[in-house]
């Protein structure tokens, strides 16, 4: 186990988050985290199960009364994570949807399975010229070791089910918006005065009007609309493209970063600004490669992050140090 205090505003730990013994009760303003989804994503060892709900009890203890949280999840197990959060005494406030058009369908062509069951050889119809997933510099050549035959059904029944699968294309990730209850017997305003928590930073997350767009509503705000609970990655061209756009991160966008579920810093900017004000503290008990920590540095927030995997922890340190150098942020050393 080790910890690394990189600047006066940021401290990360290479150890389990359970217990959060390094944090005092009622000391953190917000929780933002992308925990394991429990869906065995790409067969990664750390994604076999949902986190033990003890961590959410630990987070509740560390958060100030009224503090908000944003917790990423999967469509399949979001309901179980929400129960764990409620059992830990968090209040479910909303579900935000990070919508995207470039999700990877997690299915297969069942017509090929039908051919196999019938003992029929499927036809080779081509060669895949890409590597599964998102790789830097695009697809690999199909002539190298990543080459894979593209098959099509040959049986009559297989042809009938050509292209059929087991699921639709995933187009969003849910982000569970939660809150620690405000202190008993006081109002929200009194809670804000006492702890600096209890409200969302609506003004800092408004969606600007499009150039030349006529302001709408009976009392339009000069800085734009209140941000919705749908966050888009690209234009859908459906007449509702008034939302700001947050692209997904291509895998290996940074040469050294191999984390498979990397979240874009721009997305974390929105969440950090929505849940906190400058010089407030954000906790991420499942830090990964520290996109939330980078956002906090840039936006002048304090950050406390935990990552058990040593390789991801090293990546987080490198990413953070790169930002410190780029922005000339003073460090402790």
Protein backbone atom coordinates (compact mmCIF):
# COMPACT_ATOMS: atom_id res chain seq x y z
CA UNK A 1 0.00 0.00 0.00
CA UNK A 2 1.17 3.51 -0.72
CA UNK A 3 -0.27 6.96 -1.00
CA UNK A 4 0.81 9.90 -3.08
CA UNK A 5 0.10 13.49 -2.11
CA UNK A 6 0.79 15.22 -5.39
CA UNK A 7 -0.39 18.71 -4.56
CA UNK A 8 -2.06 20.56 -1.75
CA UNK A 9 -5.39 19.73 -3.33
CA UNK A 10 -4.93 16.09 -4.27
CA UNK A 11 -4.13 12.82 -2.50
CA UNK A 12 -4.43 9.34 -4.00
CA UNK A 13 -4.06 5.94 -2.34
CA UNK A 14 -2.88 2.62 -3.79
CA UNK A 15 -5.01 0.43 -1.53
CA UNK A 16 -8.51 -0.83 -0.92
CA UNK A 17 -11.09 1.86 -0.36
CA UNK A 18 -13.03 -0.14 2.22
CA UNK A 19 -13.05 1.66 5.55
CA UNK A 20 -11.83 5.02 4.20
CA UNK A 21 -9.78 5.29 7.39
CA UNK A 22 -7.82 8.23 5.97
CA UNK A 23 -10.91 10.44 5.86
CA UNK A 24 -12.59 12.11 8.80
CA UNK A 25 -16.37 11.89 9.18
CA UNK A 26 -18.31 14.72 7.53
CA UNK A 27 -15.22 16.00 5.69
CA UNK A 28 -16.04 15.55 1.98
CA UNK A 29 -18.48 17.58 -0.10
CA UNK A 30 -19.15 15.16 -2.98
CA UNK A 31 -18.76 11.58 -4.17
CA UNK A 32 -18.08 10.86 -7.86
CA UNK A 33 -17.13 7.33 -8.85
CA UNK A 34 -17.20 4.71 -11.60
CA UNK A 35 -17.24 1.49 -9.54
CA UNK A 36 -17.13 -2.08 -10.87
CA UNK A 37 -20.36 -2.86 -12.69
CA UNK A 38 -20.36 -6.56 -11.79
CA UNK A 39 -20.82 -7.65 -15.42
CA UNK A 40 -17.34 -9.17 -15.99
CA UNK A 41 -16.55 -6.50 -18.58
CA UNK A 42 -13.94 -7.88 -20.98
CA UNK A 43 -13.43 -10.59 -18.35
CA UNK A 44 -11.54 -8.20 -16.04
CA UNK A 45 -10.95 -9.63 -12.57
CA UNK A 46 -12.08 -6.45 -10.82
CA UNK A 47 -15.52 -6.46 -12.47
CA UNK A 48 -16.77 -9.87 -11.31
CA UNK A 49 -19.17 -8.47 -8.71
CA UNK A 50 -20.74 -5.24 -7.54
CA UNK A 51 -18.83 -3.59 -4.69
CA UNK A 52 -19.69 -4.69 -1.18
CA UNK A 53 -22.18 -2.11 0.07
CA UNK A 54 -19.92 -1.45 3.05
CA UNK A 55 -18.08 1.07 0.85
CA UNK A 56 -21.25 3.12 0.43
CA UNK A 57 -21.70 3.20 4.20
CA UNK A 58 -18.08 4.37 4.44
CA UNK A 59 -18.73 7.07 1.84
CA UNK A 60 -21.86 8.21 3.68
CA UNK A 61 -19.81 8.61 6.85
CA UNK A 62 -17.13 10.66 5.01
CA UNK A 63 -19.61 12.94 3.23
CA UNK A 64 -20.95 16.07 4.84
CA UNK A 65 -24.72 16.15 5.43
CA UNK A 66 -26.43 17.18 2.20
CA UNK A 67 -23.47 16.13 0.05
CA UNK A 68 -24.31 14.79 -3.40
CA UNK A 69 -22.88 11.83 -5.26
CA UNK A 70 -22.76 10.61 -8.88
CA UNK A 71 -22.20 6.87 -9.26
CA UNK A 72 -21.85 5.20 -12.66
CA UNK A 73 -23.51 1.85 -13.23
CA UNK A 74 -24.69 -0.62 -15.87
CA UNK A 75 -28.20 -1.04 -17.19
CA UNK A 76 -28.28 -4.67 -16.13
CA UNK A 77 -27.35 -4.21 -12.46
CA UNK A 78 -28.24 -0.57 -11.81
CA UNK A 79 -31.26 -1.62 -9.74
CA UNK A 80 -29.13 -3.70 -7.38
CA UNK A 81 -26.60 -0.92 -6.91
CA UNK A 82 -29.43 1.51 -6.17
CA UNK A 83 -30.73 -0.83 -3.47
CA UNK A 84 -27.25 -1.00 -1.95
CA UNK A 85 -27.05 2.80 -1.95
CA UNK A 86 -30.49 3.12 -0.35
CA UNK A 87 -29.64 0.47 2.24
CA UNK A 88 -26.61 2.61 3.11
CA UNK A 89 -28.99 5.54 3.80
CA UNK A 90 -28.34 7.52 0.63
CA UNK A 91 -31.34 9.16 -1.04
CA UNK A 92 -31.80 8.44 -4.75
CA UNK A 93 -32.36 11.82 -6.43
CA UNK A 94 -32.28 11.03 -10.15
CA UNK A 95 -30.78 8.86 -12.88
CA UNK A 96 -28.67 10.73 -15.41
CA UNK A 97 -28.07 9.08 -18.78
CA UNK A 98 -24.75 9.48 -20.56
CA UNK A 99 -26.05 8.72 -24.05
CA UNK A 100 -23.79 7.63 -26.89
CA UNK A 101 -24.14 6.32 -30.42
CA UNK A 102 -20.87 4.38 -30.52
CA UNK A 103 -21.50 1.72 -27.89
CA UNK A 104 -20.43 -1.82 -28.74
CA UNK A 105 -23.27 -4.37 -29.18
CA UNK A 106 -22.54 -7.29 -26.86
CA UNK A 107 -24.16 -10.02 -28.88
CA UNK A 108 -23.37 -12.55 -31.59
CA UNK A 109 -24.92 -13.80 -34.84
CA UNK A 110 -27.11 -16.71 -33.75
CA UNK A 111 -27.36 -18.01 -37.30
CA UNK A 112 -23.79 -19.31 -36.92
CA UNK A 113 -24.79 -21.16 -33.75
CA UNK A 114 -27.67 -22.73 -35.66
CA UNK A 115 -25.27 -23.91 -38.38
CA UNK A 116 -23.06 -25.47 -35.71
CA UNK A 117 -25.96 -27.27 -34.04
CA UNK A 118 -27.05 -28.64 -37.39
CA UNK A 119 -23.52 -29.78 -38.18
CA UNK A 120 -23.29 -27.45 -41.16
CA UNK A 121 -20.13 -25.56 -42.12
CA UNK A 122 -20.76 -21.80 -42.17
CA UNK A 123 -19.53 -19.86 -45.19
CA UNK A 124 -16.53 -17.54 -45.11
CA UNK A 125 -17.80 -14.23 -46.48
CA UNK A 126 -14.82 -11.99 -45.73
CA UNK A 127 -12.24 -10.97 -43.16
CA UNK A 128 -12.64 -8.59 -40.26
CA UNK A 129 -10.21 -5.71 -40.75
CA UNK A 130 -10.39 -4.26 -37.28
CA UNK A 131 -9.58 -5.13 -33.69
CA UNK A 132 -12.48 -5.47 -31.30
CA UNK A 133 -12.66 -2.40 -29.08
CA UNK A 134 -11.18 1.05 -29.51
CA UNK A 135 -7.50 1.26 -30.34
CA UNK A 136 -5.19 4.17 -30.95
CA UNK A 137 -4.50 4.91 -34.66
CA UNK A 138 -7.53 2.92 -35.75
CA UNK A 139 -7.80 -0.68 -36.84
CA UNK A 140 -4.94 -3.13 -37.16
CA UNK A 141 -4.15 -4.69 -40.51
CA UNK A 142 -6.14 -7.86 -41.12
CA UNK A 143 -2.91 -9.58 -42.23
CA UNK A 144 -1.49 -9.62 -38.71
CA UNK A 145 -2.31 -11.87 -35.78
CA UNK A 146 -5.61 -10.07 -35.12
CA UNK A 147 -7.15 -11.28 -38.39
CA UNK A 148 -10.47 -13.07 -38.07
CA UNK A 149 -12.69 -14.68 -40.66
CA UNK A 150 -16.11 -13.16 -41.22
CA UNK A 151 -18.67 -15.96 -41.47
CA UNK A 152 -22.19 -16.20 -42.81
CA UNK A 153 -24.85 -18.92 -42.39
CA UNK A 154 -25.17 -21.69 -44.94
CA UNK A 155 -28.13 -23.71 -43.64
CA UNK A 156 -31.69 -22.77 -44.60
CA UNK A 157 -32.69 -22.17 -40.97
CA UNK A 158 -29.48 -20.25 -40.37
CA UNK A 159 -30.27 -17.96 -43.29
CA UNK A 160 -33.68 -17.30 -41.76
CA UNK A 161 -32.02 -16.09 -38.55
CA UNK A 162 -29.10 -14.30 -40.22
CA UNK A 163 -27.99 -11.34 -38.13
CA UNK A 164 -30.23 -12.20 -35.17
CA UNK A 165 -28.75 -11.73 -31.71
CA UNK A 166 -29.47 -11.52 -28.01
CA UNK A 167 -29.58 -7.81 -27.32
CA UNK A 168 -29.81 -4.32 -28.76
CA UNK A 169 -26.93 -1.89 -29.04
CA UNK A 170 -26.14 -0.14 -25.73
CA UNK A 171 -26.54 3.60 -26.20
CA UNK A 172 -26.26 4.98 -22.68
CA UNK A 173 -24.66 4.50 -19.28
CA UNK A 174 -26.69 5.38 -16.19
CA UNK A 175 -25.24 7.70 -13.55
CA UNK A 176 -27.09 7.44 -10.24
CA UNK A 177 -27.47 10.84 -8.56
CA UNK A 178 -27.59 10.40 -4.78
CA UNK A 179 -27.50 12.59 -1.69
CA UNK A 180 -26.64 12.16 1.96
CA UNK A 181 -29.63 13.48 3.93
CA UNK A 182 -29.23 16.96 5.35
CA UNK A 183 -28.82 17.29 9.08
CA UNK A 184 -31.99 16.64 11.03
CA UNK A 185 -34.14 19.49 12.26
CA UNK A 186 -32.54 22.14 10.02
CA UNK A 187 -33.55 23.56 6.62
CA UNK A 188 -31.62 23.16 3.38
CA UNK A 189 -30.50 26.79 3.64
CA UNK A 190 -29.26 26.22 7.19
CA UNK A 191 -27.45 23.07 6.04
CA UNK A 192 -25.70 25.02 3.27
CA UNK A 193 -24.63 27.72 5.72
CA UNK A 194 -23.28 25.13 8.16
CA UNK A 195 -21.66 22.60 5.79
CA UNK A 196 -21.52 24.16 2.32
CA UNK A 197 -23.58 21.26 0.94
CA UNK A 198 -27.16 20.52 0.01
CA UNK A 199 -27.51 22.18 -3.41
CA UNK A 200 -26.56 21.45 -7.01
CA UNK A 201 -24.42 24.03 -8.83
CA UNK A 202 -26.96 24.74 -11.56
CA UNK A 203 -25.42 28.02 -12.68
CA UNK A 204 -22.05 26.44 -13.54
CA UNK A 205 -23.59 23.67 -15.64
CA UNK A 206 -26.09 25.51 -17.80
CA UNK A 207 -26.21 24.52 -21.47
CA UNK A 208 -25.39 27.55 -23.65
CA UNK A 209 -27.75 28.56 -26.42
CA UNK A 210 -26.78 27.70 -29.96
CA UNK A 211 -25.40 30.55 -32.03
CA UNK A 212 -28.32 32.55 -33.32
CA UNK A 213 -30.83 30.51 -31.33
CA UNK A 214 -33.90 32.36 -30.04
CA UNK A 215 -34.14 32.15 -26.27
CA UNK A 216 -37.21 30.24 -25.16
CA UNK A 217 -39.45 30.26 -22.10
CA UNK A 218 -41.21 32.99 -20.17
CA UNK A 219 -38.05 33.93 -18.29
CA UNK A 220 -35.01 32.73 -20.27
CA UNK A 221 -31.69 32.72 -18.45
CA UNK A 222 -28.89 34.61 -20.24
CA UNK A 223 -26.42 31.75 -19.69
CA UNK A 224 -28.62 29.03 -21.17
CA UNK A 225 -30.86 26.19 -20.12
CA UNK A 226 -30.66 24.13 -16.95
CA UNK A 227 -28.62 21.04 -17.80
CA UNK A 228 -30.84 17.98 -18.34
CA UNK A 229 -30.34 14.50 -16.98
CA UNK A 230 -29.40 13.29 -20.46
CA UNK A 231 -25.77 13.87 -21.45
CA UNK A 232 -24.98 13.17 -25.09
CA UNK A 233 -21.75 12.17 -26.81
CA UNK A 234 -22.66 13.36 -30.30
CA UNK A 235 -25.55 14.84 -32.24
CA UNK A 236 -28.51 12.55 -32.72
CA UNK A 237 -30.10 14.85 -35.34
CA UNK A 238 -33.52 14.24 -33.84
CA UNK A 239 -34.50 17.85 -33.24
CA UNK A 240 -33.37 17.84 -29.60
CA UNK A 241 -29.66 18.52 -30.01
CA UNK A 242 -29.67 21.30 -27.44
CA UNK A 243 -27.46 19.32 -25.07
CA UNK A 244 -23.72 19.67 -24.83
CA UNK A 245 -21.76 16.79 -26.33
CA UNK A 246 -19.25 14.54 -24.53
CA UNK A 247 -17.41 12.07 -26.77
CA UNK A 248 -16.36 8.68 -25.46
CA UNK A 249 -12.64 8.08 -25.01
CA UNK A 250 -10.99 5.84 -27.56
CA UNK A 251 -8.99 3.11 -25.86
CA UNK A 252 -5.26 3.92 -25.73
CA UNK A 253 -5.95 7.59 -26.44
CA UNK A 254 -2.88 8.02 -24.26
CA UNK A 255 0.02 5.70 -25.08
CA UNK A 256 0.42 4.53 -21.50
CA UNK A 257 -3.24 4.27 -20.48
CA UNK A 258 -4.65 0.76 -20.87
CA UNK A 259 -7.67 1.20 -18.61
CA UNK A 260 -10.63 -0.36 -20.50
CA UNK A 261 -13.40 1.81 -19.03
CA UNK A 262 -11.75 5.23 -19.14
CA UNK A 263 -14.20 8.09 -18.69
CA UNK A 264 -13.66 11.38 -20.54
CA UNK A 265 -12.41 14.28 -18.43
CA UNK A 266 -15.02 16.52 -20.07
CA UNK A 267 -17.77 14.33 -18.66
CA UNK A 268 -16.20 14.48 -15.21
CA UNK A 269 -15.96 18.28 -15.54
CA UNK A 270 -19.74 18.44 -15.81
CA UNK A 271 -20.28 16.22 -12.77
CA UNK A 272 -17.63 17.98 -10.67
CA UNK A 273 -19.12 21.39 -11.49
CA UNK A 274 -22.66 20.18 -10.85
CA UNK A 275 -21.92 18.70 -7.42
CA UNK A 276 -19.33 21.11 -6.00
CA UNK A 277 -17.89 24.60 -5.84
CA UNK A 278 -14.23 25.63 -5.97
CA UNK A 279 -12.10 24.45 -3.02
CA UNK A 280 -14.56 21.74 -2.07
CA UNK A 281 -13.48 18.09 -1.87
CA UNK A 282 -14.45 15.17 -4.10
CA UNK A 283 -14.02 11.51 -3.17
CA UNK A 284 -13.58 8.68 -5.70
CA UNK A 285 -13.21 5.28 -3.98
CA UNK A 286 -12.77 3.51 -7.34
CA UNK A 287 -10.38 5.94 -9.01
CA UNK A 288 -9.17 3.88 -11.98
CA UNK A 289 -6.86 6.08 -14.04
CA UNK A 290 -8.06 9.27 -12.29
CA UNK A 291 -10.21 11.15 -14.80
CA UNK A 292 -12.14 12.58 -11.84
CA UNK A 293 -8.91 13.62 -10.11
CA UNK A 294 -7.68 15.39 -13.24
CA UNK A 295 -10.96 17.24 -13.51
CA UNK A 296 -10.69 18.31 -9.87
CA UNK A 297 -7.18 19.67 -10.41
CA UNK A 298 -8.25 21.68 -13.43
CA UNK A 299 -11.41 22.99 -11.72
CA UNK A 300 -9.64 23.82 -8.42
CA UNK A 301 -11.26 21.18 -6.25
CA UNK A 302 -9.66 18.92 -3.66
CA UNK A 303 -9.55 15.23 -4.56
CA UNK A 304 -9.15 11.97 -2.64
CA UNK A 305 -8.90 8.84 -4.76
CA UNK A 306 -8.42 5.14 -4.04
CA UNK A 307 -7.23 2.49 -6.50
CA UNK A 308 -6.29 -1.05 -5.51
CA UNK A 309 -4.80 -2.13 -8.86
CA UNK A 310 -1.15 -1.07 -8.87
CA UNK A 311 -0.94 -0.71 -12.67
CA UNK A 312 -3.93 1.62 -12.85
CA UNK A 313 -2.59 3.54 -9.85
CA UNK A 314 0.69 4.15 -11.69
CA UNK A 315 -1.23 5.31 -14.75
CA UNK A 316 -3.24 7.70 -12.55
CA UNK A 317 -0.06 9.17 -11.10
CA UNK A 318 1.41 9.71 -14.55
CA UNK A 319 -1.74 11.32 -15.92
CA UNK A 320 -2.01 13.65 -12.94
CA UNK A 321 1.65 14.63 -13.09
CA UNK A 322 1.27 15.37 -16.80
CA UNK A 323 -1.61 17.75 -16.03
CA UNK A 324 0.37 19.38 -13.22
CA UNK A 325 3.21 20.07 -15.65
CA UNK A 326 0.89 21.31 -18.39
CA UNK A 327 -0.92 23.70 -16.06
CA UNK A 328 2.10 24.57 -13.89
CA UNK A 329 0.20 23.63 -10.73
CA UNK A 330 2.34 24.01 -7.57
CA UNK A 331 3.15 20.72 -5.85
CA UNK A 332 4.32 19.81 -2.36
CA UNK A 333 7.70 18.56 -3.58
